[in-house]
N, C-alpha and C. Protein backbone atom coordinates (compact mmCIF):
# COMPACT_ATOMS: atom_id res chain seq x y z
N MET A 1 47.18 103.78 101.45
CA MET A 1 46.70 102.58 102.12
C MET A 1 47.27 102.54 103.54
N LEU A 2 46.39 102.59 104.52
CA LEU A 2 46.83 102.52 105.91
C LEU A 2 47.07 101.07 106.31
N LYS A 3 48.17 100.86 107.02
CA LYS A 3 48.48 99.52 107.53
C LYS A 3 48.42 99.56 109.05
N ASN A 4 48.23 98.40 109.64
CA ASN A 4 48.21 98.29 111.10
C ASN A 4 49.64 98.04 111.59
N TYR A 5 50.02 98.78 112.61
CA TYR A 5 51.35 98.63 113.20
C TYR A 5 51.24 98.50 114.71
N GLU A 6 52.27 97.90 115.27
CA GLU A 6 52.39 97.81 116.72
C GLU A 6 53.82 98.19 117.07
N THR A 7 53.98 99.03 118.06
CA THR A 7 55.31 99.41 118.50
C THR A 7 55.41 99.25 120.00
N VAL A 8 56.51 98.68 120.44
CA VAL A 8 56.81 98.53 121.86
C VAL A 8 58.12 99.25 122.10
N PHE A 9 58.16 100.08 123.13
CA PHE A 9 59.42 100.75 123.45
C PHE A 9 59.67 100.68 124.95
N ILE A 10 60.94 100.68 125.30
CA ILE A 10 61.37 100.59 126.69
C ILE A 10 62.04 101.91 127.06
N LEU A 11 61.53 102.53 128.11
CA LEU A 11 62.08 103.79 128.59
C LEU A 11 62.96 103.55 129.81
N THR A 12 63.93 104.42 129.99
CA THR A 12 64.87 104.29 131.10
C THR A 12 64.14 104.34 132.45
N PRO A 13 64.58 103.56 133.43
CA PRO A 13 63.87 103.47 134.71
C PRO A 13 64.05 104.67 135.62
N VAL A 14 64.93 105.61 135.29
CA VAL A 14 65.17 106.74 136.19
C VAL A 14 64.09 107.83 136.05
N LEU A 15 63.14 107.64 135.14
CA LEU A 15 62.07 108.62 134.93
C LEU A 15 61.01 108.50 136.02
N SER A 16 60.39 109.62 136.35
CA SER A 16 59.24 109.57 137.24
C SER A 16 58.03 109.15 136.40
N ASP A 17 56.91 108.87 137.06
CA ASP A 17 55.70 108.49 136.33
C ASP A 17 55.26 109.61 135.39
N ALA A 18 55.36 110.85 135.87
CA ALA A 18 54.94 111.99 135.04
C ALA A 18 55.84 112.12 133.80
N GLN A 19 57.14 111.92 133.97
CA GLN A 19 58.07 112.01 132.84
C GLN A 19 57.81 110.88 131.85
N MET A 20 57.51 109.70 132.37
CA MET A 20 57.23 108.56 131.50
C MET A 20 55.97 108.81 130.67
N LYS A 21 54.92 109.32 131.32
CA LYS A 21 53.68 109.62 130.60
C LYS A 21 53.89 110.73 129.57
N GLU A 22 54.71 111.72 129.92
CA GLU A 22 55.02 112.80 129.00
C GLU A 22 55.74 112.27 127.76
N THR A 23 56.66 111.33 127.95
CA THR A 23 57.40 110.74 126.84
C THR A 23 56.46 109.95 125.92
N VAL A 24 55.56 109.17 126.51
CA VAL A 24 54.59 108.41 125.72
C VAL A 24 53.71 109.38 124.92
N GLU A 25 53.28 110.46 125.55
CA GLU A 25 52.45 111.45 124.85
C GLU A 25 53.22 112.09 123.70
N LYS A 26 54.52 112.27 123.88
CA LYS A 26 55.36 112.86 122.82
C LYS A 26 55.33 111.96 121.58
N PHE A 27 55.47 110.64 121.79
CA PHE A 27 55.47 109.72 120.65
C PHE A 27 54.08 109.60 120.04
N LYS A 28 53.03 109.69 120.85
CA LYS A 28 51.68 109.69 120.31
C LYS A 28 51.45 110.94 119.46
N ALA A 29 52.02 112.05 119.89
CA ALA A 29 51.90 113.30 119.14
C ALA A 29 52.61 113.20 117.79
N VAL A 30 53.76 112.51 117.77
CA VAL A 30 54.48 112.30 116.50
C VAL A 30 53.59 111.53 115.54
N LEU A 31 52.92 110.51 116.05
CA LEU A 31 52.05 109.69 115.20
C LEU A 31 50.85 110.50 114.69
N THR A 32 50.17 111.18 115.60
CA THR A 32 48.97 111.91 115.19
C THR A 32 49.31 113.08 114.26
N ALA A 33 50.46 113.69 114.44
CA ALA A 33 50.87 114.79 113.56
C ALA A 33 51.08 114.30 112.13
N GLU A 34 51.45 113.04 111.99
CA GLU A 34 51.67 112.46 110.66
C GLU A 34 50.42 111.79 110.11
N GLY A 35 49.30 111.92 110.81
CA GLY A 35 48.03 111.40 110.31
C GLY A 35 47.72 109.97 110.71
N ALA A 36 48.44 109.44 111.70
CA ALA A 36 48.18 108.07 112.16
C ALA A 36 46.99 108.06 113.11
N GLU A 37 46.29 106.94 113.13
CA GLU A 37 45.17 106.75 114.05
C GLU A 37 45.61 105.76 115.12
N ILE A 38 45.63 106.20 116.37
CA ILE A 38 46.06 105.33 117.47
C ILE A 38 44.87 104.45 117.86
N VAL A 39 45.08 103.14 117.76
CA VAL A 39 44.02 102.17 118.02
C VAL A 39 44.01 101.76 119.49
N ASN A 40 45.19 101.55 120.05
CA ASN A 40 45.29 101.06 121.43
C ASN A 40 46.59 101.54 122.04
N GLU A 41 46.53 101.79 123.33
CA GLU A 41 47.72 102.19 124.08
C GLU A 41 47.73 101.40 125.38
N GLU A 42 48.87 100.80 125.70
CA GLU A 42 48.99 100.06 126.94
C GLU A 42 50.29 100.44 127.63
N ASN A 43 50.20 100.63 128.93
CA ASN A 43 51.38 100.88 129.74
C ASN A 43 51.62 99.61 130.55
N TRP A 44 52.69 98.91 130.24
CA TRP A 44 52.97 97.65 130.93
C TRP A 44 53.74 97.86 132.22
N GLY A 45 54.19 99.07 132.48
CA GLY A 45 54.86 99.39 133.73
C GLY A 45 56.33 98.99 133.74
N MET A 46 56.89 99.03 134.94
CA MET A 46 58.31 98.70 135.14
C MET A 46 58.48 97.19 135.11
N LYS A 47 59.39 96.73 134.27
CA LYS A 47 59.67 95.30 134.15
C LYS A 47 61.18 95.08 134.16
N LYS A 48 61.56 93.89 134.58
CA LYS A 48 62.97 93.51 134.55
C LYS A 48 63.36 93.15 133.13
N LEU A 49 64.52 93.62 132.71
CA LEU A 49 65.01 93.32 131.36
C LEU A 49 65.67 91.95 131.35
N ALA A 50 65.64 91.28 130.23
CA ALA A 50 66.28 89.96 130.08
C ALA A 50 67.79 90.09 130.19
N TYR A 51 68.32 91.21 129.75
CA TYR A 51 69.76 91.49 129.86
C TYR A 51 69.91 92.99 130.06
N SER A 52 70.99 93.41 130.65
CA SER A 52 71.15 94.83 130.93
C SER A 52 71.40 95.62 129.64
N ILE A 53 70.82 96.81 129.59
CA ILE A 53 70.97 97.72 128.47
C ILE A 53 71.45 99.04 129.07
N ALA A 54 72.60 99.51 128.64
CA ALA A 54 73.18 100.76 129.14
C ALA A 54 73.26 100.75 130.67
N LYS A 55 73.66 99.60 131.20
CA LYS A 55 73.82 99.38 132.65
C LYS A 55 72.51 99.51 133.43
N LYS A 56 71.38 99.31 132.75
CA LYS A 56 70.06 99.33 133.39
C LYS A 56 69.51 97.91 133.36
N SER A 57 68.89 97.49 134.47
CA SER A 57 68.34 96.14 134.52
C SER A 57 66.81 96.14 134.48
N THR A 58 66.19 97.34 134.53
CA THR A 58 64.74 97.45 134.44
C THR A 58 64.39 98.59 133.47
N GLY A 59 63.13 98.64 133.09
CA GLY A 59 62.68 99.71 132.21
C GLY A 59 61.16 99.77 132.16
N PHE A 60 60.63 100.93 131.76
CA PHE A 60 59.20 101.13 131.57
C PHE A 60 58.82 100.66 130.18
N TYR A 61 57.91 99.70 130.09
CA TYR A 61 57.46 99.18 128.80
C TYR A 61 56.16 99.86 128.40
N SER A 62 56.05 100.24 127.15
CA SER A 62 54.82 100.82 126.60
C SER A 62 54.54 100.23 125.23
N LEU A 63 53.26 100.08 124.92
CA LEU A 63 52.84 99.53 123.64
C LEU A 63 51.86 100.50 123.00
N LEU A 64 52.04 100.75 121.71
CA LEU A 64 51.10 101.55 120.93
C LEU A 64 50.72 100.76 119.69
N GLN A 65 49.43 100.66 119.43
CA GLN A 65 48.94 100.06 118.19
C GLN A 65 48.31 101.19 117.39
N PHE A 66 48.64 101.26 116.10
CA PHE A 66 48.15 102.36 115.30
C PHE A 66 48.00 101.96 113.84
N LYS A 67 47.19 102.75 113.13
CA LYS A 67 47.02 102.60 111.68
C LYS A 67 47.68 103.81 111.05
N ALA A 68 48.55 103.55 110.08
CA ALA A 68 49.27 104.67 109.46
C ALA A 68 49.80 104.28 108.10
N ASP A 69 50.23 105.28 107.39
CA ASP A 69 50.94 105.11 106.14
C ASP A 69 52.34 104.58 106.47
N PRO A 70 52.92 103.72 105.65
CA PRO A 70 54.25 103.17 105.96
C PRO A 70 55.35 104.21 106.17
N SER A 71 55.23 105.39 105.59
CA SER A 71 56.26 106.42 105.75
C SER A 71 56.30 106.97 107.18
N VAL A 72 55.22 106.82 107.93
CA VAL A 72 55.15 107.34 109.30
C VAL A 72 56.09 106.57 110.22
N VAL A 73 56.29 105.29 109.95
CA VAL A 73 57.12 104.46 110.81
C VAL A 73 58.56 104.99 110.86
N ALA A 74 59.07 105.40 109.74
CA ALA A 74 60.44 105.94 109.70
C ALA A 74 60.56 107.18 110.56
N LYS A 75 59.55 108.04 110.53
CA LYS A 75 59.58 109.26 111.34
C LYS A 75 59.47 108.94 112.82
N LEU A 76 58.65 107.95 113.17
CA LEU A 76 58.51 107.54 114.56
C LEU A 76 59.83 106.97 115.08
N GLU A 77 60.45 106.11 114.29
CA GLU A 77 61.70 105.49 114.74
C GLU A 77 62.83 106.52 114.81
N THR A 78 62.80 107.54 113.98
CA THR A 78 63.78 108.62 114.10
C THR A 78 63.58 109.36 115.43
N ALA A 79 62.32 109.57 115.81
CA ALA A 79 62.04 110.22 117.10
C ALA A 79 62.53 109.35 118.25
N TYR A 80 62.37 108.01 118.14
CA TYR A 80 62.89 107.11 119.18
C TYR A 80 64.41 107.25 119.30
N ARG A 81 65.09 107.24 118.17
CA ARG A 81 66.55 107.29 118.18
C ARG A 81 67.08 108.61 118.75
N ARG A 82 66.35 109.69 118.54
CA ARG A 82 66.78 111.00 119.03
C ARG A 82 66.52 111.21 120.51
N ASP A 83 65.65 110.41 121.10
CA ASP A 83 65.30 110.57 122.51
C ASP A 83 66.16 109.66 123.36
N GLU A 84 66.95 110.26 124.23
CA GLU A 84 67.88 109.47 125.06
C GLU A 84 67.18 108.66 126.14
N ARG A 85 65.90 108.91 126.37
CA ARG A 85 65.15 108.15 127.37
C ARG A 85 64.73 106.78 126.86
N VAL A 86 64.81 106.54 125.56
CA VAL A 86 64.40 105.27 124.98
C VAL A 86 65.59 104.31 124.96
N LEU A 87 65.43 103.17 125.65
CA LEU A 87 66.50 102.16 125.66
C LEU A 87 66.43 101.27 124.42
N ARG A 88 65.23 100.79 124.10
CA ARG A 88 65.01 99.93 122.93
C ARG A 88 63.61 100.16 122.39
N PHE A 89 63.42 99.81 121.12
CA PHE A 89 62.09 99.90 120.52
C PHE A 89 61.99 98.86 119.42
N LEU A 90 60.76 98.48 119.12
CA LEU A 90 60.49 97.56 118.02
C LEU A 90 59.14 97.93 117.43
N THR A 91 59.11 98.14 116.13
CA THR A 91 57.87 98.45 115.42
C THR A 91 57.71 97.44 114.30
N PHE A 92 56.51 96.88 114.18
CA PHE A 92 56.29 95.94 113.09
C PHE A 92 54.88 96.07 112.54
N ALA A 93 54.75 95.69 111.28
CA ALA A 93 53.45 95.69 110.61
C ALA A 93 52.71 94.43 111.03
N MET A 94 51.45 94.59 111.37
CA MET A 94 50.64 93.47 111.83
C MET A 94 49.93 92.84 110.64
N ASP A 95 49.95 91.50 110.57
CA ASP A 95 49.18 90.82 109.54
C ASP A 95 47.74 90.66 110.04
N LYS A 96 46.88 90.06 109.22
CA LYS A 96 45.46 89.99 109.58
C LYS A 96 45.23 89.16 110.85
N TYR A 97 46.07 88.16 111.11
CA TYR A 97 45.91 87.33 112.30
C TYR A 97 46.31 88.11 113.56
N ALA A 98 47.35 88.90 113.45
CA ALA A 98 47.78 89.72 114.58
C ALA A 98 46.74 90.78 114.90
N VAL A 99 46.11 91.33 113.88
CA VAL A 99 45.06 92.34 114.09
C VAL A 99 43.86 91.70 114.79
N GLU A 100 43.46 90.50 114.35
CA GLU A 100 42.35 89.79 114.99
C GLU A 100 42.65 89.50 116.45
N TYR A 101 43.88 89.04 116.71
CA TYR A 101 44.27 88.73 118.09
C TYR A 101 44.26 89.98 118.95
N ALA A 102 44.78 91.08 118.43
CA ALA A 102 44.81 92.33 119.17
C ALA A 102 43.40 92.83 119.48
N GLU A 103 42.50 92.71 118.52
CA GLU A 103 41.11 93.13 118.74
C GLU A 103 40.45 92.29 119.83
N LYS A 104 40.71 90.98 119.82
CA LYS A 104 40.16 90.10 120.86
C LYS A 104 40.71 90.49 122.23
N ARG A 105 42.01 90.75 122.28
CA ARG A 105 42.65 91.11 123.55
C ARG A 105 42.09 92.44 124.08
N ILE A 106 41.87 93.39 123.19
CA ILE A 106 41.33 94.69 123.60
C ILE A 106 39.90 94.53 124.13
N SER A 107 39.10 93.71 123.44
CA SER A 107 37.71 93.52 123.88
C SER A 107 37.66 92.79 125.22
N LEU A 108 38.56 91.84 125.44
CA LEU A 108 38.60 91.15 126.74
C LEU A 108 39.00 92.11 127.85
N LYS A 109 39.96 92.98 127.59
CA LYS A 109 40.37 93.95 128.61
C LYS A 109 39.24 94.90 128.93
N SER A 110 38.48 95.32 127.94
CA SER A 110 37.38 96.25 128.20
C SER A 110 36.27 95.55 128.99
N LYS A 111 36.03 94.27 128.74
CA LYS A 111 35.06 93.52 129.51
C LYS A 111 35.49 93.36 130.96
N GLU A 112 36.80 93.14 131.17
CA GLU A 112 37.33 93.00 132.53
C GLU A 112 37.18 94.31 133.31
N LYS A 113 37.38 95.44 132.63
CA LYS A 113 37.25 96.74 133.28
C LYS A 113 35.80 96.99 133.69
N GLU A 114 34.87 96.53 132.86
CA GLU A 114 33.45 96.72 133.18
C GLU A 114 33.03 95.92 134.41
N ASN A 115 33.62 94.76 134.60
CA ASN A 115 33.25 93.89 135.74
C ASN A 115 33.94 94.24 137.00
């Protein structure tokens, strides 16, 4: 049974844009290798942190929404922990209301891009 998940991770600000994209692709590859289906990907860019983490006050935020077996989440989070470029991460299972909201948000963004 595939469940819907959303993961947000913060990458260290010392990365270049190419390194940041490479890191995001690495985590997407971990998901797809385990049979997950990536539903949505968003790059929120460089943002100020609410509090400093490892003496950093900013970080690159990225969001991935995916459908996967629950065992995939443990493997993804192990990959986060092993990568020193990741400052923080949060992965959670989406309930039906969160899935509906995410679908609405995705459709609104696609409409904005068309206009």
